[in-house]
Amino acid sequence: MSSERIDRLEERLAWLQRHVTEQDKVMLELGDELARLRVELMALRSRQSGGELGDAMQADERPPHY
């Protein structure tokens, strides 16, 4: 193989390695965000089943005779 061809292959390999590293970082960040959102969703569901969210919504409603 020519030296020029090897240089191009090495550049491509370096680019791919950097790209994979960046994708790994993004995937870890997305995993962390997903875990945080799951915790938040569970807290909201817990509040709703506990009546806190439902009571707040009912307090804003008008009585039926209006």
N, C-alpha and C. Protein backbone atom coordinates (compact mmCIF):
# COMPACT_ATOMS: atom_id res chain seq x y z
N MET A 1 0.84 -1.18 0.00
CA MET A 1 0.00 0.00 0.00
C MET A 1 0.89 1.24 0.00
N SER A 2 0.35 2.27 -0.60
CA SER A 2 1.11 3.51 -0.65
C SER A 2 0.99 4.24 0.68
N SER A 3 1.94 5.07 0.93
CA SER A 3 1.98 5.85 2.16
C SER A 3 0.77 6.80 2.25
N GLU A 4 0.40 7.34 1.11
CA GLU A 4 -0.75 8.26 1.07
C GLU A 4 -2.04 7.53 1.43
N ARG A 5 -2.20 6.33 0.94
CA ARG A 5 -3.40 5.54 1.24
C ARG A 5 -3.44 5.17 2.73
N ILE A 6 -2.31 4.81 3.28
CA ILE A 6 -2.24 4.48 4.72
C ILE A 6 -2.59 5.71 5.54
N ASP A 7 -2.10 6.88 5.13
CA ASP A 7 -2.41 8.11 5.85
C ASP A 7 -3.92 8.39 5.85
N ARG A 8 -4.56 8.19 4.70
CA ARG A 8 -6.02 8.40 4.61
C ARG A 8 -6.76 7.41 5.50
N LEU A 9 -6.33 6.18 5.50
CA LEU A 9 -6.98 5.17 6.36
C LEU A 9 -6.80 5.49 7.84
N GLU A 10 -5.61 5.97 8.20
CA GLU A 10 -5.36 6.35 9.59
C GLU A 10 -6.22 7.55 9.99
N GLU A 11 -6.40 8.50 9.07
CA GLU A 11 -7.27 9.66 9.35
C GLU A 11 -8.71 9.21 9.55
N ARG A 12 -9.17 8.32 8.69
CA ARG A 12 -10.53 7.80 8.82
C ARG A 12 -10.71 7.05 10.13
N LEU A 13 -9.73 6.25 10.47
CA LEU A 13 -9.80 5.49 11.73
C LEU A 13 -9.83 6.44 12.92
N ALA A 14 -9.00 7.46 12.90
CA ALA A 14 -8.98 8.43 14.00
C ALA A 14 -10.33 9.13 14.10
N TRP A 15 -10.91 9.50 12.95
CA TRP A 15 -12.21 10.16 12.96
C TRP A 15 -13.27 9.24 13.54
N LEU A 16 -13.27 7.98 13.12
CA LEU A 16 -14.26 7.02 13.62
C LEU A 16 -14.11 6.78 15.13
N GLN A 17 -12.88 6.70 15.59
CA GLN A 17 -12.65 6.51 17.02
C GLN A 17 -13.17 7.71 17.82
N ARG A 18 -12.92 8.91 17.33
CA ARG A 18 -13.40 10.11 18.00
C ARG A 18 -14.93 10.14 17.98
N HIS A 19 -15.51 9.77 16.84
CA HIS A 19 -16.96 9.75 16.70
C HIS A 19 -17.60 8.76 17.68
N VAL A 20 -17.03 7.58 17.79
CA VAL A 20 -17.55 6.57 18.72
C VAL A 20 -17.45 7.07 20.16
N THR A 21 -16.35 7.70 20.50
CA THR A 21 -16.18 8.25 21.85
C THR A 21 -17.25 9.30 22.14
N GLU A 22 -17.51 10.18 21.18
CA GLU A 22 -18.54 11.20 21.36
C GLU A 22 -19.93 10.58 21.50
N GLN A 23 -20.20 9.55 20.70
CA GLN A 23 -21.50 8.88 20.81
C GLN A 23 -21.65 8.18 22.16
N ASP A 24 -20.59 7.58 22.65
CA ASP A 24 -20.64 6.95 23.97
C ASP A 24 -20.99 7.97 25.05
N LYS A 25 -20.38 9.14 24.95
CA LYS A 25 -20.65 10.20 25.93
C LYS A 25 -22.11 10.63 25.88
N VAL A 26 -22.64 10.80 24.66
CA VAL A 26 -24.04 11.20 24.51
C VAL A 26 -24.98 10.11 25.04
N MET A 27 -24.65 8.86 24.77
CA MET A 27 -25.49 7.76 25.26
C MET A 27 -25.51 7.71 26.78
N LEU A 28 -24.37 7.95 27.41
CA LEU A 28 -24.33 7.99 28.88
C LEU A 28 -25.17 9.14 29.42
N GLU A 29 -25.09 10.31 28.78
CA GLU A 29 -25.88 11.45 29.20
C GLU A 29 -27.37 11.16 29.05
N LEU A 30 -27.75 10.53 27.94
CA LEU A 30 -29.16 10.19 27.73
C LEU A 30 -29.64 9.16 28.75
N GLY A 31 -28.78 8.22 29.09
CA GLY A 31 -29.14 7.24 30.12
C GLY A 31 -29.37 7.90 31.46
N ASP A 32 -28.51 8.86 31.80
CA ASP A 32 -28.67 9.59 33.06
C ASP A 32 -29.97 10.40 33.06
N GLU A 33 -30.25 11.05 31.93
CA GLU A 33 -31.47 11.84 31.83
C GLU A 33 -32.71 10.94 31.90
N LEU A 34 -32.65 9.79 31.27
CA LEU A 34 -33.76 8.85 31.32
C LEU A 34 -34.01 8.39 32.75
N ALA A 35 -32.96 8.09 33.48
CA ALA A 35 -33.11 7.66 34.87
C ALA A 35 -33.73 8.77 35.71
N ARG A 36 -33.28 10.02 35.47
CA ARG A 36 -33.83 11.16 36.22
C ARG A 36 -35.31 11.35 35.89
N LEU A 37 -35.67 11.22 34.62
CA LEU A 37 -37.06 11.39 34.22
C LEU A 37 -37.95 10.28 34.77
N ARG A 38 -37.41 9.08 34.87
CA ARG A 38 -38.19 7.98 35.46
C ARG A 38 -38.49 8.26 36.93
N VAL A 39 -37.50 8.77 37.65
CA VAL A 39 -37.70 9.10 39.06
C VAL A 39 -38.76 10.21 39.18
N GLU A 40 -38.65 11.21 38.31
CA GLU A 40 -39.62 12.31 38.33
C GLU A 40 -41.02 11.82 38.00
N LEU A 41 -41.13 10.93 37.02
CA LEU A 41 -42.43 10.37 36.65
C LEU A 41 -43.03 9.57 37.81
N MET A 42 -42.21 8.77 38.47
CA MET A 42 -42.70 8.01 39.62
C MET A 42 -43.19 8.93 40.72
N ALA A 43 -42.47 10.04 40.96
CA ALA A 43 -42.89 10.99 41.98
C ALA A 43 -44.22 11.63 41.61
N LEU A 44 -44.39 11.99 40.33
CA LEU A 44 -45.65 12.58 39.90
C LEU A 44 -46.80 11.59 40.02
N ARG A 45 -46.55 10.35 39.64
CA ARG A 45 -47.60 9.32 39.77
C ARG A 45 -47.96 9.11 41.23
N SER A 46 -46.96 9.13 42.09
CA SER A 46 -47.20 8.95 43.52
C SER A 46 -48.04 10.11 44.06
N ARG A 47 -47.70 11.31 43.66
CA ARG A 47 -48.47 12.49 44.10
C ARG A 47 -49.89 12.40 43.62
N GLN A 48 -50.07 11.97 42.37
CA GLN A 48 -51.40 11.90 41.80
C GLN A 48 -52.24 10.84 42.52
N SER A 49 -51.66 9.69 42.78
CA SER A 49 -52.42 8.64 43.45
C SER A 49 -52.65 8.99 44.91
N GLY A 50 -51.81 9.86 45.47
CA GLY A 50 -51.99 10.29 46.84
C GLY A 50 -53.06 11.35 46.99
N GLY A 51 -53.53 11.89 45.87
CA GLY A 51 -54.61 12.87 45.93
C GLY A 51 -54.15 14.31 45.87
N GLU A 52 -52.87 14.56 46.02
CA GLU A 52 -52.41 15.95 46.04
C GLU A 52 -52.70 16.65 44.71
N LEU A 53 -52.41 16.02 43.63
CA LEU A 53 -52.61 16.62 42.32
C LEU A 53 -54.10 16.74 42.03
N GLY A 54 -54.87 15.73 42.37
CA GLY A 54 -56.30 15.77 42.13
C GLY A 54 -56.99 16.85 42.94
N ASP A 55 -56.61 17.04 44.20
CA ASP A 55 -57.20 18.08 45.04
C ASP A 55 -56.90 19.47 44.49
N ALA A 56 -55.70 19.68 44.00
CA ALA A 56 -55.34 20.98 43.44
C ALA A 56 -56.16 21.28 42.20
N MET A 57 -56.42 20.28 41.39
CA MET A 57 -57.21 20.50 40.18
C MET A 57 -58.67 20.76 40.54
N GLN A 58 -59.19 20.07 41.53
CA GLN A 58 -60.58 20.25 41.93
C GLN A 58 -60.80 21.61 42.56
N ALA A 59 -59.83 22.15 43.25
CA ALA A 59 -59.97 23.45 43.89
C ALA A 59 -60.12 24.55 42.85
N ASP A 60 -59.59 24.36 41.65
CA ASP A 60 -59.69 25.36 40.59
C ASP A 60 -61.00 25.25 39.81
N GLU A 61 -61.74 24.18 39.99
CA GLU A 61 -62.97 24.00 39.23
C GLU A 61 -64.11 24.80 39.86
N ARG A 62 -65.02 25.26 39.02
CA ARG A 62 -66.19 25.95 39.52
C ARG A 62 -67.24 24.95 39.99
N PRO A 63 -67.99 25.31 40.97
CA PRO A 63 -69.09 24.42 41.37
C PRO A 63 -70.08 24.27 40.22
N PRO A 64 -70.83 23.17 40.17
CA PRO A 64 -71.72 22.91 39.03
C PRO A 64 -72.82 23.94 38.83
N HIS A 65 -73.21 24.71 39.87
CA HIS A 65 -74.33 25.64 39.71
C HIS A 65 -73.94 26.95 39.03
N TYR A 66 -72.70 27.17 38.63
CA TYR A 66 -72.32 28.41 37.95
C TYR A 66 -72.53 28.30 36.48
